[in-house]
Amino acid sequence: MIELHRLHGNGTFMVNADLIESLEAVPDTVVTLVNKRRFVVEDPLDEVIDRIVAYRARIAAAVNAPHDYAVGARAFSTLETDSEAEAA
């Protein structure tokens, strides 16, 4: 998820970056989602792109992290230890 700011300071909202279909600068930044819903935001186009890149980098880092550190993942040896503790 990335944070975007509504035009004219009307608050912030979060968008799943994987659902963004296109970005335009006309001159305000327009974000179009895959369902064709459009948002006009204060954030400059370059900042939105930087947030998308950072979001995808976090996802890639979690996937490539050692199993002990990956989000939601547990090492097989940890699972074996837990099973042995339950059996005792």
Protein backbone atom coordinates (compact mmCIF):
# COMPACT_ATOMS: atom_id res chain seq x y z
CA MET A 1 0.00 0.00 0.00
CA ILE A 2 1.13 3.54 -0.70
CA GLU A 3 -0.12 6.76 0.86
CA LEU A 4 -1.52 9.48 -1.41
CA HIS A 5 -2.83 12.95 -0.59
CA ARG A 6 -6.15 14.18 -1.94
CA LEU A 7 -6.11 17.39 -3.95
CA HIS A 8 -6.64 20.63 -1.97
CA GLY A 9 -5.63 19.07 1.35
CA ASN A 10 -8.75 16.93 1.74
CA GLY A 11 -6.90 14.18 3.60
CA THR A 12 -4.85 11.13 2.77
CA PHE A 13 -5.74 7.63 1.65
CA MET A 14 -3.97 4.36 0.97
CA VAL A 15 -3.94 2.57 -2.39
CA ASN A 16 -2.72 -0.90 -3.26
CA ALA A 17 0.08 -0.07 -5.71
CA ASP A 18 -0.53 -3.34 -7.56
CA LEU A 19 -3.96 -2.04 -8.60
CA ILE A 20 -2.64 1.10 -10.30
CA GLU A 21 -3.09 0.89 -14.06
CA SER A 22 -1.72 4.29 -15.08
CA LEU A 23 -0.41 7.62 -13.81
CA GLU A 24 -0.75 10.95 -15.60
CA ALA A 25 0.45 14.50 -14.93
CA VAL A 26 -2.15 16.81 -16.54
CA PRO A 27 -0.89 19.05 -14.68
CA ASP A 28 -2.22 17.47 -11.46
CA THR A 29 -1.36 13.82 -10.92
CA VAL A 30 -4.17 11.47 -11.91
CA VAL A 31 -4.04 7.87 -10.65
CA THR A 32 -6.18 5.36 -12.56
CA LEU A 33 -6.82 1.96 -11.02
CA VAL A 34 -7.46 -1.27 -12.92
CA ASN A 35 -11.19 -0.89 -12.23
CA LYS A 36 -11.02 2.52 -14.04
CA ARG A 37 -11.60 4.51 -10.84
CA ARG A 38 -9.59 7.74 -10.98
CA PHE A 39 -8.11 9.91 -8.25
CA VAL A 40 -6.60 13.37 -8.60
CA VAL A 41 -3.86 13.77 -6.01
CA GLU A 42 -1.52 16.50 -4.75
CA ASP A 43 1.51 14.23 -4.91
CA PRO A 44 3.84 14.92 -7.85
CA LEU A 45 4.09 12.10 -10.40
CA ASP A 46 7.74 11.40 -9.50
CA GLU A 47 6.88 10.97 -5.81
CA VAL A 48 4.07 8.54 -6.60
CA ILE A 49 6.45 6.52 -8.77
CA ASP A 50 9.08 6.55 -5.99
CA ARG A 51 6.49 5.23 -3.52
CA ILE A 52 5.49 2.44 -5.90
CA VAL A 53 9.14 1.46 -6.40
CA ALA A 54 9.74 1.49 -2.61
CA TYR A 55 6.59 -0.61 -2.03
CA ARG A 56 7.70 -3.21 -4.57
CA ALA A 57 11.23 -3.22 -3.12
CA ARG A 58 9.79 -4.01 0.33
CA ILE A 59 7.79 -6.89 -1.14
CA ALA A 60 10.83 -8.24 -3.00
CA ALA A 61 12.98 -7.94 0.14
CA ALA A 62 10.44 -9.91 2.16
CA VAL A 63 10.33 -12.65 -0.48
CA ASN A 64 14.12 -12.86 -0.69
CA ALA A 65 14.73 -12.63 3.07
CA PRO A 66 15.93 -15.69 4.97
CA HIS A 67 12.95 -17.73 6.14
CA ASP A 68 13.44 -16.63 9.76
CA TYR A 69 12.90 -13.01 8.72
CA ALA A 70 10.40 -13.26 5.88
CA VAL A 71 6.96 -11.90 6.66
CA GLY A 72 4.68 -14.75 7.65
CA ALA A 73 7.29 -17.43 7.00
CA ARG A 74 8.80 -19.81 9.53
CA ALA A 75 11.89 -21.95 9.09
CA PHE A 76 11.30 -25.69 8.86
CA SER A 77 13.60 -26.26 11.86
CA THR A 78 11.37 -23.95 13.94
CA LEU A 79 8.32 -25.99 12.97
CA GLU A 80 10.10 -29.21 14.01
CA THR A 81 11.02 -27.68 17.39
CA ASP A 82 7.42 -26.58 17.94
CA SER A 83 6.14 -30.08 17.08
CA GLU A 84 8.60 -31.70 19.50
CA ALA A 85 7.52 -29.30 22.28
CA GLU A 86 3.84 -30.11 21.69
CA ALA A 87 4.56 -33.86 21.78
CA ALA A 88 6.34 -33.60 25.16
